[in-house]
């Protein structure tokens, strides 16, 4: 039974899936937008939004929780110094997913996942 089991498997083992999500979220926060498959974009949206919500709180415990999830202090610093204050007045919906269509090689549905906000491209 799958009681209380959430998330997408993405045809990967648990450790590989966790590393993939962690790396995609880190790159999203560093660059502001990434081009990936639609399934991966949907898989990381919730985690990225939860981390931005932690950054909005801004206290030490939230910073430690974000560091435990991301594992990169530079990205956590950017998250809390820039993104947290930027989204302080926004109640939610920090991430946008734009569908692009199928990839030429294997037909996988592609998407752009990006941060929404002031000073960002629409």
PDB file of N, CA and C in Angstrom:
ATOM      1  N   UNK A   1       0.839  -1.187   0.000  1.00  0.00           N
ATOM      2  CA  UNK A   1       0.000   0.000   0.000  1.00  0.00           C
ATOM      3  C   UNK A   1       0.874   1.237   0.000  1.00  0.00           C
ATOM      4  N   UNK A   2       0.351   2.305  -0.600  1.00  0.00           N
ATOM      5  CA  UNK A   2       1.135   3.527  -0.739  1.00  0.00           C
ATOM      6  C   UNK A   2       0.659   4.616   0.210  1.00  0.00           C
ATOM      7  N   UNK A   3       0.205   4.256   1.384  1.00  0.00           N
ATOM      8  CA  UNK A   3      -0.272   5.263   2.318  1.00  0.00           C
ATOM      9  C   UNK A   3       0.843   6.235   2.682  1.00  0.00           C
ATOM     10  N   UNK A   4       0.562   7.508   2.635  1.00  0.00           N
ATOM     11  CA  UNK A   4       1.469   8.587   3.027  1.00  0.00           C
ATOM     12  C   UNK A   4       2.776   8.595   2.238  1.00  0.00           C
ATOM     13  N   UNK A   5       2.748   8.112   1.019  1.00  0.00           N
ATOM     14  CA  UNK A   5       3.913   8.157   0.140  1.00  0.00           C
ATOM     15  C   UNK A   5       3.629   9.191  -0.934  1.00  0.00           C
ATOM     16  N   UNK A   6       4.419  10.245  -0.943  1.00  0.00           N
ATOM     17  CA  UNK A   6       4.173  11.332  -1.883  1.00  0.00           C
ATOM     18  C   UNK A   6       5.389  11.526  -2.776  1.00  0.00           C
ATOM     19  N   UNK A   7       5.196  12.223  -3.862  1.00  0.00           N
ATOM     20  CA  UNK A   7       6.302  12.568  -4.740  1.00  0.00           C
ATOM     21  C   UNK A   7       6.369  11.675  -5.958  1.00  0.00           C
ATOM     22  N   UNK A   8       7.202  12.085  -6.896  1.00  0.00           N
ATOM     23  CA  UNK A   8       7.378  11.363  -8.150  1.00  0.00           C
ATOM     24  C   UNK A   8       8.664  10.545  -8.092  1.00  0.00           C
ATOM     25  N   UNK A   9       8.638   9.368  -8.697  1.00  0.00           N
ATOM     26  CA  UNK A   9       9.815   8.498  -8.665  1.00  0.00           C
ATOM     27  C   UNK A   9      10.842   8.861  -9.728  1.00  0.00           C
ATOM     28  N   UNK A  10      10.416   9.348 -10.870  1.00  0.00           N
ATOM     29  CA  UNK A  10      11.309   9.768 -11.947  1.00  0.00           C
ATOM     30  C   UNK A  10      12.236   8.647 -12.418  1.00  0.00           C
ATOM     31  N   UNK A  11      11.835   7.402 -12.245  1.00  0.00           N
ATOM     32  CA  UNK A  11      12.603   6.225 -12.671  1.00  0.00           C
ATOM     33  C   UNK A  11      14.013   6.207 -12.089  1.00  0.00           C
ATOM     34  N   UNK A  12      14.139   6.574 -10.823  1.00  0.00           N
ATOM     35  CA  UNK A  12      15.436   6.616 -10.159  1.00  0.00           C
ATOM     36  C   UNK A  12      15.315   6.027  -8.761  1.00  0.00           C
ATOM     37  N   UNK A  13      16.445   5.626  -8.197  1.00  0.00           N
ATOM     38  CA  UNK A  13      16.452   5.149  -6.821  1.00  0.00           C
ATOM     39  C   UNK A  13      16.270   6.338  -5.873  1.00  0.00           C
ATOM     40  N   UNK A  14      16.055   6.036  -4.601  1.00  0.00           N
ATOM     41  CA  UNK A  14      15.795   7.090  -3.625  1.00  0.00           C
ATOM     42  C   UNK A  14      16.946   8.084  -3.551  1.00  0.00           C
ATOM     43  N   UNK A  15      18.170   7.593  -3.416  1.00  0.00           N
ATOM     44  CA  UNK A  15      19.325   8.493  -3.284  1.00  0.00           C
ATOM     45  C   UNK A  15      19.557   9.320  -4.542  1.00  0.00           C
ATOM     46  N   UNK A  16      19.414   8.693  -5.703  1.00  0.00           N
ATOM     47  CA  UNK A  16      19.590   9.407  -6.962  1.00  0.00           C
ATOM     48  C   UNK A  16      18.513  10.479  -7.128  1.00  0.00           C
ATOM     49  N   UNK A  17      17.293  10.140  -6.753  1.00  0.00           N
ATOM     50  CA  UNK A  17      16.175  11.079  -6.855  1.00  0.00           C
ATOM     51  C   UNK A  17      16.388  12.271  -5.933  1.00  0.00           C
ATOM     52  N   UNK A  18      16.856  12.013  -4.705  1.00  0.00           N
ATOM     53  CA  UNK A  18      17.099  13.095  -3.752  1.00  0.00           C
ATOM     54  C   UNK A  18      18.216  14.013  -4.244  1.00  0.00           C
ATOM     55  N   UNK A  19      19.288  13.428  -4.792  1.00  0.00           N
ATOM     56  CA  UNK A  19      20.401  14.228  -5.311  1.00  0.00           C
ATOM     57  C   UNK A  19      19.956  15.054  -6.517  1.00  0.00           C
ATOM     58  N   UNK A  20      19.146  14.463  -7.381  1.00  0.00           N
ATOM     59  CA  UNK A  20      18.640  15.183  -8.550  1.00  0.00           C
ATOM     60  C   UNK A  20      17.809  16.387  -8.137  1.00  0.00           C
ATOM     61  N   UNK A  21      16.878  16.177  -7.207  1.00  0.00           N
ATOM     62  CA  UNK A  21      16.029  17.292  -6.742  1.00  0.00           C
ATOM     63  C   UNK A  21      16.867  18.376  -6.078  1.00  0.00           C
ATOM     64  N   UNK A  22      17.813  17.977  -5.244  1.00  0.00           N
ATOM     65  CA  UNK A  22      18.666  18.947  -4.552  1.00  0.00           C
ATOM     66  C   UNK A  22      19.454  19.786  -5.555  1.00  0.00           C
ATOM     67  N   UNK A  23      20.039  19.153  -6.565  1.00  0.00           N
ATOM     68  CA  UNK A  23      20.831  19.878  -7.556  1.00  0.00           C
ATOM     69  C   UNK A  23      19.966  20.788  -8.409  1.00  0.00           C
ATOM     70  N   UNK A  24      18.778  20.330  -8.808  1.00  0.00           N
ATOM     71  CA  UNK A  24      17.902  21.173  -9.616  1.00  0.00           C
ATOM     72  C   UNK A  24      17.436  22.405  -8.837  1.00  0.00           C
ATOM     73  N   UNK A  25      17.106  22.225  -7.573  1.00  0.00           N
ATOM     74  CA  UNK A  25      16.664  23.365  -6.751  1.00  0.00           C
ATOM     75  C   UNK A  25      17.811  24.348  -6.554  1.00  0.00           C
ATOM     76  N   UNK A  26      19.038  23.841  -6.317  1.00  0.00           N
ATOM     77  CA  UNK A  26      20.197  24.724  -6.158  1.00  0.00           C
ATOM     78  C   UNK A  26      20.417  25.566  -7.409  1.00  0.00           C
ATOM     79  N   UNK A  27      20.379  24.932  -8.569  1.00  0.00           N
ATOM     80  CA  UNK A  27      20.600  25.659  -9.821  1.00  0.00           C
ATOM     81  C   UNK A  27      19.466  26.653 -10.076  1.00  0.00           C
ATOM     82  N   UNK A  28      18.245  26.290  -9.725  1.00  0.00           N
ATOM     83  CA  UNK A  28      17.123  27.212  -9.884  1.00  0.00           C
ATOM     84  C   UNK A  28      17.338  28.474  -9.061  1.00  0.00           C
ATOM     85  N   UNK A  29      17.790  28.329  -7.816  1.00  0.00           N
ATOM     86  CA  UNK A  29      18.022  29.502  -6.971  1.00  0.00           C
ATOM     87  C   UNK A  29      19.233  30.301  -7.442  1.00  0.00           C
ATOM     88  N   UNK A  30      20.233  29.647  -8.009  1.00  0.00           N
ATOM     89  CA  UNK A  30      21.424  30.358  -8.470  1.00  0.00           C
ATOM     90  C   UNK A  30      21.149  31.132  -9.756  1.00  0.00           C
ATOM     91  N   UNK A  31      20.433  30.515 -10.706  1.00  0.00           N
ATOM     92  CA  UNK A  31      20.234  31.126 -12.021  1.00  0.00           C
ATOM     93  C   UNK A  31      18.891  31.827 -12.189  1.00  0.00           C
ATOM     94  N   UNK A  32      17.900  31.437 -11.421  1.00  0.00           N
ATOM     95  CA  UNK A  32      16.591  32.060 -11.543  1.00  0.00           C
ATOM     96  C   UNK A  32      15.649  31.340 -12.493  1.00  0.00           C
ATOM     97  N   UNK A  33      16.181  30.591 -13.437  1.00  0.00           N
ATOM     98  CA  UNK A  33      15.353  29.813 -14.364  1.00  0.00           C
ATOM     99  C   UNK A  33      16.186  28.696 -14.952  1.00  0.00           C
ATOM    100  N   UNK A  34      15.532  27.543 -15.187  1.00  0.00           N
ATOM    101  CA  UNK A  34      16.213  26.423 -15.811  1.00  0.00           C
ATOM    102  C   UNK A  34      15.266  25.756 -16.800  1.00  0.00           C
ATOM    103  N   UNK A  35      15.858  25.091 -17.779  1.00  0.00           N
ATOM    104  CA  UNK A  35      15.104  24.344 -18.790  1.00  0.00           C
ATOM    105  C   UNK A  35      15.299  22.872 -18.500  1.00  0.00           C
ATOM    106  N   UNK A  36      14.217  22.156 -18.230  1.00  0.00           N
ATOM    107  CA  UNK A  36      14.286  20.755 -17.876  1.00  0.00           C
ATOM    108  C   UNK A  36      13.007  20.069 -18.354  1.00  0.00           C
ATOM    109  N   UNK A  37      12.857  18.792 -18.030  1.00  0.00           N
ATOM    110  CA  UNK A  37      11.629  18.108 -18.429  1.00  0.00           C
ATOM    111  C   UNK A  37      10.487  18.569 -17.533  1.00  0.00           C
ATOM    112  N   UNK A  38       9.286  18.439 -18.045  1.00  0.00           N
ATOM    113  CA  UNK A  38       8.107  18.874 -17.313  1.00  0.00           C
ATOM    114  C   UNK A  38       7.946  18.082 -16.013  1.00  0.00           C
ATOM    115  N   UNK A  39       8.228  16.790 -16.040  1.00  0.00           N
ATOM    116  CA  UNK A  39       8.096  15.957 -14.844  1.00  0.00           C
ATOM    117  C   UNK A  39       9.065  16.402 -13.748  1.00  0.00           C
ATOM    118  N   UNK A  40      10.309  16.707 -14.122  1.00  0.00           N
ATOM    119  CA  UNK A  40      11.282  17.164 -13.134  1.00  0.00           C
ATOM    120  C   UNK A  40      10.898  18.543 -12.597  1.00  0.00           C
ATOM    121  N   UNK A  41      10.388  19.410 -13.458  1.00  0.00           N
ATOM    122  CA  UNK A  41       9.968  20.745 -13.021  1.00  0.00           C
ATOM    123  C   UNK A  41       8.842  20.640 -11.996  1.00  0.00           C
ATOM    124  N   UNK A  42       7.880  19.773 -12.254  1.00  0.00           N
ATOM    125  CA  UNK A  42       6.773  19.596 -11.315  1.00  0.00           C
ATOM    126  C   UNK A  42       7.251  18.949 -10.018  1.00  0.00           C
ATOM    127  N   UNK A  43       8.272  18.095 -10.119  1.00  0.00           N
ATOM    128  CA  UNK A  43       8.780  17.406  -8.935  1.00  0.00           C
ATOM    129  C   UNK A  43       9.504  18.361  -7.989  1.00  0.00           C
ATOM    130  N   UNK A  44      10.169  19.392  -8.505  1.00  0.00           N
ATOM    131  CA  UNK A  44      10.940  20.283  -7.630  1.00  0.00           C
ATOM    132  C   UNK A  44      10.167  21.534  -7.214  1.00  0.00           C
ATOM    133  N   UNK A  45       9.019  21.786  -7.834  1.00  0.00           N
ATOM    134  CA  UNK A  45       8.278  23.018  -7.525  1.00  0.00           C
ATOM    135  C   UNK A  45       7.933  23.118  -6.041  1.00  0.00           C
ATOM    136  N   UNK A  46       7.385  22.071  -5.445  1.00  0.00           N
ATOM    137  CA  UNK A  46       6.967  22.132  -4.046  1.00  0.00           C
ATOM    138  C   UNK A  46       8.149  22.359  -3.108  1.00  0.00           C
ATOM    139  N   UNK A  47       9.242  21.659  -3.357  1.00  0.00           N
ATOM    140  CA  UNK A  47      10.405  21.815  -2.492  1.00  0.00           C
ATOM    141  C   UNK A  47      10.990  23.222  -2.584  1.00  0.00           C
ATOM    142  N   UNK A  48      11.044  23.781  -3.794  1.00  0.00           N
ATOM    143  CA  UNK A  48      11.575  25.139  -3.968  1.00  0.00           C
ATOM    144  C   UNK A  48      10.677  26.163  -3.265  1.00  0.00           C
ATOM    145  N   UNK A  49       9.373  25.987  -3.369  1.00  0.00           N
ATOM    146  CA  UNK A  49       8.465  26.928  -2.709  1.00  0.00           C
ATOM    147  C   UNK A  49       8.569  26.831  -1.193  1.00  0.00           C
ATOM    148  N   UNK A  50       8.753  25.618  -0.652  1.00  0.00           N
ATOM    149  CA  UNK A  50       8.916  25.469   0.791  1.00  0.00           C
ATOM    150  C   UNK A  50      10.202  26.153   1.265  1.00  0.00           C
ATOM    151  N   UNK A  51      11.272  26.056   0.479  1.00  0.00           N
ATOM    152  CA  UNK A  51      12.530  26.699   0.857  1.00  0.00           C
ATOM    153  C   UNK A  51      12.411  28.221   0.816  1.00  0.00           C
ATOM    154  N   UNK A  52      11.678  28.752  -0.139  1.00  0.00           N
ATOM    155  CA  UNK A  52      11.475  30.204  -0.181  1.00  0.00           C
ATOM    156  C   UNK A  52      10.638  30.651   1.008  1.00  0.00           C
ATOM    157  N   UNK A  53       9.663  29.847   1.395  1.00  0.00           N
ATOM    158  CA  UNK A  53       8.866  30.170   2.580  1.00  0.00           C
ATOM    159  C   UNK A  53       9.750  30.177   3.825  1.00  0.00           C
ATOM    160  N   UNK A  54      10.681  29.240   3.927  1.00  0.00           N
ATOM    161  CA  UNK A  54      11.642  29.262   5.040  1.00  0.00           C
ATOM    162  C   UNK A  54      12.487  30.535   4.997  1.00  0.00           C
ATOM    163  N   UNK A  55      12.894  30.940   3.806  1.00  0.00           N
ATOM    164  CA  UNK A  55      13.725  32.143   3.666  1.00  0.00           C
ATOM    165  C   UNK A  55      12.945  33.396   4.062  1.00  0.00           C
ATOM    166  N   UNK A  56      11.646  33.383   3.843  1.00  0.00           N
ATOM    167  CA  UNK A  56      10.829  34.532   4.258  1.00  0.00           C
ATOM    168  C   UNK A  56      10.819  34.677   5.771  1.00  0.00           C
ATOM    169  N   UNK A  57      10.875  33.551   6.491  1.00  0.00           N
ATOM    170  CA  UNK A  57      10.906  33.601   7.962  1.00  0.00           C
ATOM    171  C   UNK A  57      12.213  34.217   8.427  1.00  0.00           C
ATOM    172  N   UNK A  58      13.321  33.762   7.843  1.00  0.00           N
ATOM    173  CA  UNK A  58      14.608  34.413   8.058  1.00  0.00           C
ATOM    174  C   UNK A  58      15.318  34.123   9.362  1.00  0.00           C
ATOM    175  N   UNK A  59      14.792  33.316  10.262  1.00  0.00           N
ATOM    176  CA  UNK A  59      15.489  33.081  11.521  1.00  0.00           C
ATOM    177  C   UNK A  59      16.508  31.950  11.398  1.00  0.00           C
ATOM    178  N   UNK A  60      17.291  31.757  12.425  1.00  0.00           N
ATOM    179  CA  UNK A  60      18.406  30.820  12.381  1.00  0.00           C
ATOM    180  C   UNK A  60      17.949  29.383  12.153  1.00  0.00           C
ATOM    181  N   UNK A  61      16.876  28.984  12.796  1.00  0.00           N
ATOM    182  CA  UNK A  61      16.398  27.610  12.629  1.00  0.00           C
ATOM    183  C   UNK A  61      15.975  27.360  11.182  1.00  0.00           C
ATOM    184  N   UNK A  62      15.328  28.319  10.563  1.00  0.00           N
ATOM    185  CA  UNK A  62      14.923  28.181   9.162  1.00  0.00           C
ATOM    186  C   UNK A  62      16.153  28.078   8.262  1.00  0.00           C
ATOM    187  N   UNK A  63      17.192  28.862   8.564  1.00  0.00           N
ATOM    188  CA  UNK A  63      18.427  28.805   7.786  1.00  0.00           C
ATOM    189  C   UNK A  63      19.080  27.430   7.906  1.00  0.00           C
ATOM    190  N   UNK A  64      19.067  26.848   9.097  1.00  0.00           N
ATOM    191  CA  UNK A  64      19.653  25.524   9.296  1.00  0.00           C
ATOM    192  C   UNK A  64      18.838  24.442   8.596  1.00  0.00           C
ATOM    193  N   UNK A  65      17.521  24.593   8.591  1.00  0.00           N
ATOM    194  CA  UNK A  65      16.681  23.639   7.874  1.00  0.00           C
ATOM    195  C   UNK A  65      16.963  23.693   6.373  1.00  0.00           C
ATOM    196  N   UNK A  66      17.102  24.907   5.840  1.00  0.00           N
ATOM    197  CA  UNK A  66      17.399  25.062   4.416  1.00  0.00           C
ATOM    198  C   UNK A  66      18.778  24.487   4.084  1.00  0.00           C
ATOM    199  N   UNK A  67      19.750  24.703   4.956  1.00  0.00           N
ATOM    200  CA  UNK A  67      21.088  24.166   4.730  1.00  0.00           C
ATOM    201  C   UNK A  67      21.073  22.639   4.751  1.00  0.00           C
ATOM    202  N   UNK A  68      20.272  22.049   5.609  1.00  0.00           N
ATOM    203  CA  UNK A  68      20.166  20.596   5.663  1.00  0.00           C
ATOM    204  C   UNK A  68      19.554  20.047   4.376  1.00  0.00           C
ATOM    205  N   UNK A  69      18.632  20.772   3.785  1.00  0.00           N
ATOM    206  CA  UNK A  69      17.990  20.315   2.556  1.00  0.00           C
ATOM    207  C   UNK A  69      18.848  20.555   1.322  1.00  0.00           C
ATOM    208  N   UNK A  70      19.527  21.700   1.255  1.00  0.00           N
ATOM    209  CA  UNK A  70      20.302  22.053   0.063  1.00  0.00           C
ATOM    210  C   UNK A  70      21.753  21.595   0.137  1.00  0.00           C
ATOM    211  N   UNK A  71      22.357  21.681   1.296  1.00  0.00           N
ATOM    212  CA  UNK A  71      23.736  21.257   1.446  1.00  0.00           C
ATOM    213  C   UNK A  71      24.749  22.214   0.857  1.00  0.00           C
ATOM    214  N   UNK A  72      24.362  23.450   0.548  1.00  0.00           N
ATOM    215  CA  UNK A  72      25.280  24.424  -0.053  1.00  0.00           C
ATOM    216  C   UNK A  72      25.084  25.768   0.635  1.00  0.00           C
ATOM    217  N   UNK A  73      26.076  26.220   1.373  1.00  0.00           N
ATOM    218  CA  UNK A  73      25.916  27.438   2.164  1.00  0.00           C
ATOM    219  C   UNK A  73      25.813  28.696   1.301  1.00  0.00           C
ATOM    220  N   UNK A  74      26.462  28.717   0.131  1.00  0.00           N
ATOM    221  CA  UNK A  74      26.376  29.890  -0.734  1.00  0.00           C
ATOM    222  C   UNK A  74      24.956  30.079  -1.270  1.00  0.00           C
ATOM    223  N   UNK A  75      24.336  28.986  -1.676  1.00  0.00           N
ATOM    224  CA  UNK A  75      22.959  29.066  -2.178  1.00  0.00           C
ATOM    225  C   UNK A  75      22.011  29.448  -1.059  1.00  0.00           C
ATOM    226  N   UNK A  76      22.232  28.923   0.148  1.00  0.00           N
ATOM    227  CA  UNK A  76      21.384  29.272   1.291  1.00  0.00           C
ATOM    228  C   UNK A  76      21.541  30.755   1.611  1.00  0.00           C
ATOM    229  N   UNK A  77      22.765  31.262   1.533  1.00  0.00           N
ATOM    230  CA  UNK A  77      22.977  32.693   1.793  1.00  0.00           C
ATOM    231  C   UNK A  77      22.217  33.544   0.771  1.00  0.00           C
ATOM    232  N   UNK A  78      22.297  33.177  -0.503  1.00  0.00           N
ATOM    233  CA  UNK A  78      21.562  33.922  -1.534  1.00  0.00           C
ATOM    234  C   UNK A  78      20.061  33.827  -1.295  1.00  0.00           C
ATOM    235  N   UNK A  79      19.609  32.648  -0.918  1.00  0.00           N
ATOM    236  CA  UNK A  79      18.188  32.434  -0.656  1.00  0.00           C
ATOM    237  C   UNK A  79      17.696  33.350   0.453  1.00  0.00           C
ATOM    238  N   UNK A  80      18.454  33.448   1.545  1.00  0.00           N
ATOM    239  CA  UNK A  80      18.007  34.242   2.690  1.00  0.00           C
ATOM    240  C   UNK A  80      18.320  35.729   2.532  1.00  0.00           C
ATOM    241  N   UNK A  81      19.381  36.082   1.809  1.00  0.00           N
ATOM    242  CA  UNK A  81      19.758  37.493   1.665  1.00  0.00           C
ATOM    243  C   UNK A  81      18.976  38.187   0.549  1.00  0.00           C
ATOM    244  N   UNK A  82      18.687  37.476  -0.553  1.00  0.00           N
ATOM    245  CA  UNK A  82      18.053  38.115  -1.702  1.00  0.00           C
ATOM    246  C   UNK A  82      16.609  37.670  -1.913  1.00  0.00           C
ATOM    247  N   UNK A  83      16.398  36.357  -2.005  1.00  0.00           N
ATOM    248  CA  UNK A  83      15.074  35.868  -2.380  1.00  0.00           C
ATOM    249  C   UNK A  83      14.052  36.002  -1.261  1.00  0.00           C
ATOM    250  N   UNK A  84      14.463  35.724  -0.020  1.00  0.00           N
ATOM    251  CA  UNK A  84      13.536  35.839   1.105  1.00  0.00           C
ATOM    252  C   UNK A  84      12.930  37.231   1.238  1.00  0.00           C
ATOM    253  N   UNK A  85      13.767  38.277   1.299  1.00  0.00           N
ATOM    254  CA  UNK A  85      13.208  39.634   1.387  1.00  0.00           C
ATOM    255  C   UNK A  85      12.416  40.042   0.143  1.00  0.00           C
ATOM    256  N   UNK A  86      12.807  39.537  -1.019  1.00  0.00           N
ATOM    257  CA  UNK A  86      12.092  39.890  -2.247  1.00  0.00           C
ATOM    258  C   UNK A  86      10.655  39.373  -2.231  1.00  0.00           C
ATOM    259  N   UNK A  87      10.447  38.202  -1.654  1.00  0.00           N
ATOM    260  CA  UNK A  87       9.124  37.590  -1.631  1.00  0.00           C
ATOM    261  C   UNK A  87       8.394  37.806  -0.307  1.00  0.00           C
ATOM    262  N   UNK A  88       8.861  38.734   0.513  1.00  0.00           N
ATOM    263  CA  UNK A  88       8.287  38.957   1.836  1.00  0.00           C
ATOM    264  C   UNK A  88       6.793  39.301   1.778  1.00  0.00           C
ATOM    265  N   UNK A  89       6.380  40.081   0.811  1.00  0.00           N
ATOM    266  CA  UNK A  89       4.984  40.506   0.716  1.00  0.00           C
ATOM    267  C   UNK A  89       4.123  39.554  -0.111  1.00  0.00           C
ATOM    268  N   UNK A  90       4.721  38.582  -0.749  1.00  0.00           N
ATOM    269  CA  UNK A  90       3.989  37.660  -1.620  1.00  0.00           C
ATOM    270  C   UNK A  90       3.528  36.452  -0.807  1.00  0.00           C
ATOM    271  N   UNK A  91       2.239  36.130  -0.805  1.00  0.00           N
ATOM    272  CA  UNK A  91       1.739  35.037   0.035  1.00  0.00           C
ATOM    273  C   UNK A  91       2.052  33.634  -0.486  1.00  0.00           C
ATOM    274  N   UNK A  92       2.500  33.504  -1.711  1.00  0.00           N
ATOM    275  CA  UNK A  92       2.809  32.186  -2.261  1.00  0.00           C
ATOM    276  C   UNK A  92       2.951  32.292  -3.763  1.00  0.00           C
ATOM    277  N   UNK A  93       3.147  31.180  -4.422  1.00  0.00           N
ATOM    278  CA  UNK A  93       3.267  31.180  -5.873  1.00  0.00           C
ATOM    279  C   UNK A  93       4.551  31.816  -6.351  1.00  0.00           C
ATOM    280  N   UNK A  94       5.690  31.320  -5.852  1.00  0.00           N
ATOM    281  CA  UNK A  94       6.978  31.909  -6.188  1.00  0.00           C
ATOM    282  C   UNK A  94       7.582  31.311  -7.446  1.00  0.00           C
ATOM    283  N   UNK A  95       7.011  30.216  -7.935  1.00  0.00           N
ATOM    284  CA  UNK A  95       7.575  29.459  -9.047  1.00  0.00           C
ATOM    285  C   UNK A  95       6.587  29.436 -10.207  1.00  0.00           C
ATOM    286  N   UNK A  96       7.107  29.570 -11.425  1.00  0.00           N
ATOM    287  CA  UNK A  96       6.284  29.488 -12.643  1.00  0.00           C
ATOM    288  C   UNK A  96       6.862  28.391 -13.526  1.00  0.00           C
ATOM    289  N   UNK A  97       5.971  27.568 -14.103  1.00  0.00           N
ATOM    290  CA  UNK A  97       6.390  26.533 -15.047  1.00  0.00           C
ATOM    291  C   UNK A  97       5.762  26.838 -16.400  1.00  0.00           C
ATOM    292  N   UNK A  98       6.610  27.013 -17.410  1.00  0.00           N
ATOM    293  CA  UNK A  98       6.154  27.285 -18.775  1.00  0.00           C
ATOM    294  C   UNK A  98       6.435  26.055 -19.626  1.00  0.00           C
ATOM    295  N   UNK A  99       5.416  25.500 -20.243  1.00  0.00           N
ATOM    296  CA  UNK A  99       5.585  24.301 -21.055  1.00  0.00           C
ATOM    297  C   UNK A  99       6.112  24.680 -22.434  1.00  0.00           C
ATOM    298  N   UNK A 100       7.067  23.891 -22.940  1.00  0.00           N
ATOM    299  CA  UNK A 100       7.724  24.195 -24.204  1.00  0.00           C
ATOM    300  C   UNK A 100       7.343  23.258 -25.340  1.00  0.00           C
ATOM    301  N   UNK A 101       6.942  22.046 -25.040  1.00  0.00           N
ATOM    302  CA  UNK A 101       6.666  21.072 -26.083  1.00  0.00           C
ATOM    303  C   UNK A 101       7.668  19.940 -26.034  1.00  0.00           C
ATOM    304  N   UNK A 102       7.593  19.017 -26.964  1.00  0.00           N
ATOM    305  CA  UNK A 102       8.445  17.831 -26.908  1.00  0.00           C
ATOM    306  C   UNK A 102       9.897  18.113 -27.320  1.00  0.00           C
ATOM    307  N   UNK A 103      10.820  17.371 -26.699  1.00  0.00           N
ATOM    308  CA  UNK A 103      12.233  17.448 -27.037  1.00  0.00           C
ATOM    309  C   UNK A 103      12.462  16.667 -28.322  1.00  0.00           C
ATOM    310  N   UNK A 104      13.365  17.160 -29.166  1.00  0.00           N
ATOM    311  CA  UNK A 104      13.603  16.554 -30.476  1.00  0.00           C
ATOM    312  C   UNK A 104      14.060  15.101 -30.387  1.00  0.00           C
ATOM    313  N   UNK A 105      14.988  14.789 -29.511  1.00  0.00           N
ATOM    314  CA  UNK A 105      15.587  13.467 -29.488  1.00  0.00           C
ATOM    315  C   UNK A 105      14.666  12.353 -29.051  1.00  0.00           C
ATOM    316  N   UNK A 106      14.002  12.523 -27.884  1.00  0.00           N
ATOM    317  CA  UNK A 106      13.211  11.429 -27.343  1.00  0.00           C
ATOM    318  C   UNK A 106      11.747  11.772 -27.134  1.00  0.00           C
ATOM    319  N   UNK A 107      11.342  12.985 -27.450  1.00  0.00           N
ATOM    320  CA  UNK A 107       9.944  13.364 -27.348  1.00  0.00           C
ATOM    321  C   UNK A 107       9.487  13.697 -25.936  1.00  0.00           C
ATOM    322  N   UNK A 108      10.432  13.841 -24.989  1.00  0.00           N
ATOM    323  CA  UNK A 108      10.064  14.185 -23.614  1.00  0.00           C
ATOM    324  C   UNK A 108       9.512  15.612 -23.579  1.00  0.00           C
ATOM    325  N   UNK A 109       8.452  15.820 -22.812  1.00  0.00           N
ATOM    326  CA  UNK A 109       7.861  17.147 -22.687  1.00  0.00           C
ATOM    327  C   UNK A 109       8.814  18.047 -21.905  1.00  0.00           C
ATOM    328  N   UNK A 110       9.185  19.175 -22.490  1.00  0.00           N
ATOM    329  CA  UNK A 110      10.134  20.096 -21.870  1.00  0.00           C
ATOM    330  C   UNK A 110       9.388  21.280 -21.261  1.00  0.00           C
ATOM    331  N   UNK A 111      10.037  21.917 -20.275  1.00  0.00           N
ATOM    332  CA  UNK A 111       9.435  23.065 -19.604  1.00  0.00           C
ATOM    333  C   UNK A 111      10.546  23.969 -19.077  1.00  0.00           C
ATOM    334  N   UNK A 112      10.194  25.221 -18.852  1.00  0.00           N
ATOM    335  CA  UNK A 112      11.072  26.165 -18.172  1.00  0.00           C
ATOM    336  C   UNK A 112      10.459  26.406 -16.804  1.00  0.00           C
ATOM    337  N   UNK A 113      11.261  26.242 -15.767  1.00  0.00           N
ATOM    338  CA  UNK A 113      10.808  26.560 -14.415  1.00  0.00           C
ATOM    339  C   UNK A 113      11.596  27.786 -13.972  1.00  0.00           C
ATOM    340  N   UNK A 114      10.876  28.809 -13.481  1.00  0.00           N
ATOM    341  CA  UNK A 114      11.536  30.049 -13.132  1.00  0.00           C
ATOM    342  C   UNK A 114      10.921  30.670 -11.890  1.00  0.00           C
ATOM    343  N   UNK A 115      11.693  31.555 -11.280  1.00  0.00           N
ATOM    344  CA  UNK A 115      11.210  32.291 -10.130  1.00  0.00           C
ATOM    345  C   UNK A 115      10.392  33.484 -10.608  1.00  0.00           C
ATOM    346  N   UNK A 116       9.286  33.744  -9.950  1.00  0.00           N
ATOM    347  CA  UNK A 116       8.404  34.853 -10.302  1.00  0.00           C
ATOM    348  C   UNK A 116       8.748  36.011  -9.383  1.00  0.00           C
ATOM    349  N   UNK A 117       8.637  37.233  -9.865  1.00  0.00           N
ATOM    350  CA  UNK A 117       8.826  38.340  -8.947  1.00  0.00           C
ATOM    351  C   UNK A 117       9.282  39.611  -9.596  1.00  0.00           C
ATOM    352  N   UNK A 118       9.497  40.592  -8.742  1.00  0.00           N
ATOM    353  CA  UNK A 118       9.973  41.894  -9.184  1.00  0.00           C
ATOM    354  C   UNK A 118      11.358  41.764  -9.783  1.00  0.00           C
ATOM    355  N   UNK A 119      11.606  42.466 -10.857  1.00  0.00           N
ATOM    356  CA  UNK A 119      12.916  42.476 -11.451  1.00  0.00           C
ATOM    357  C   UNK A 119      13.277  41.190 -12.184  1.00  0.00           C
ATOM    358  N   UNK A 120      12.322  40.323 -12.382  1.00  0.00           N
ATOM    359  CA  UNK A 120      12.576  39.076 -13.088  1.00  0.00           C
ATOM    360  C   UNK A 120      11.836  39.101 -14.397  1.00  0.00           C
ATOM    361  N   UNK A 121      12.371  38.367 -15.387  1.00  0.00           N
ATOM    362  CA  UNK A 121      11.728  38.299 -16.687  1.00  0.00           C
ATOM    363  C   UNK A 121      10.381  37.592 -16.582  1.00  0.00           C
ATOM    364  N   UNK A 122       9.437  38.037 -17.369  1.00  0.00           N
ATOM    365  CA  UNK A 122       8.110  37.420 -17.334  1.00  0.00           C
ATOM    366  C   UNK A 122       8.016  36.232 -18.232  1.00  0.00           C
TER     367      UNK A 122
END
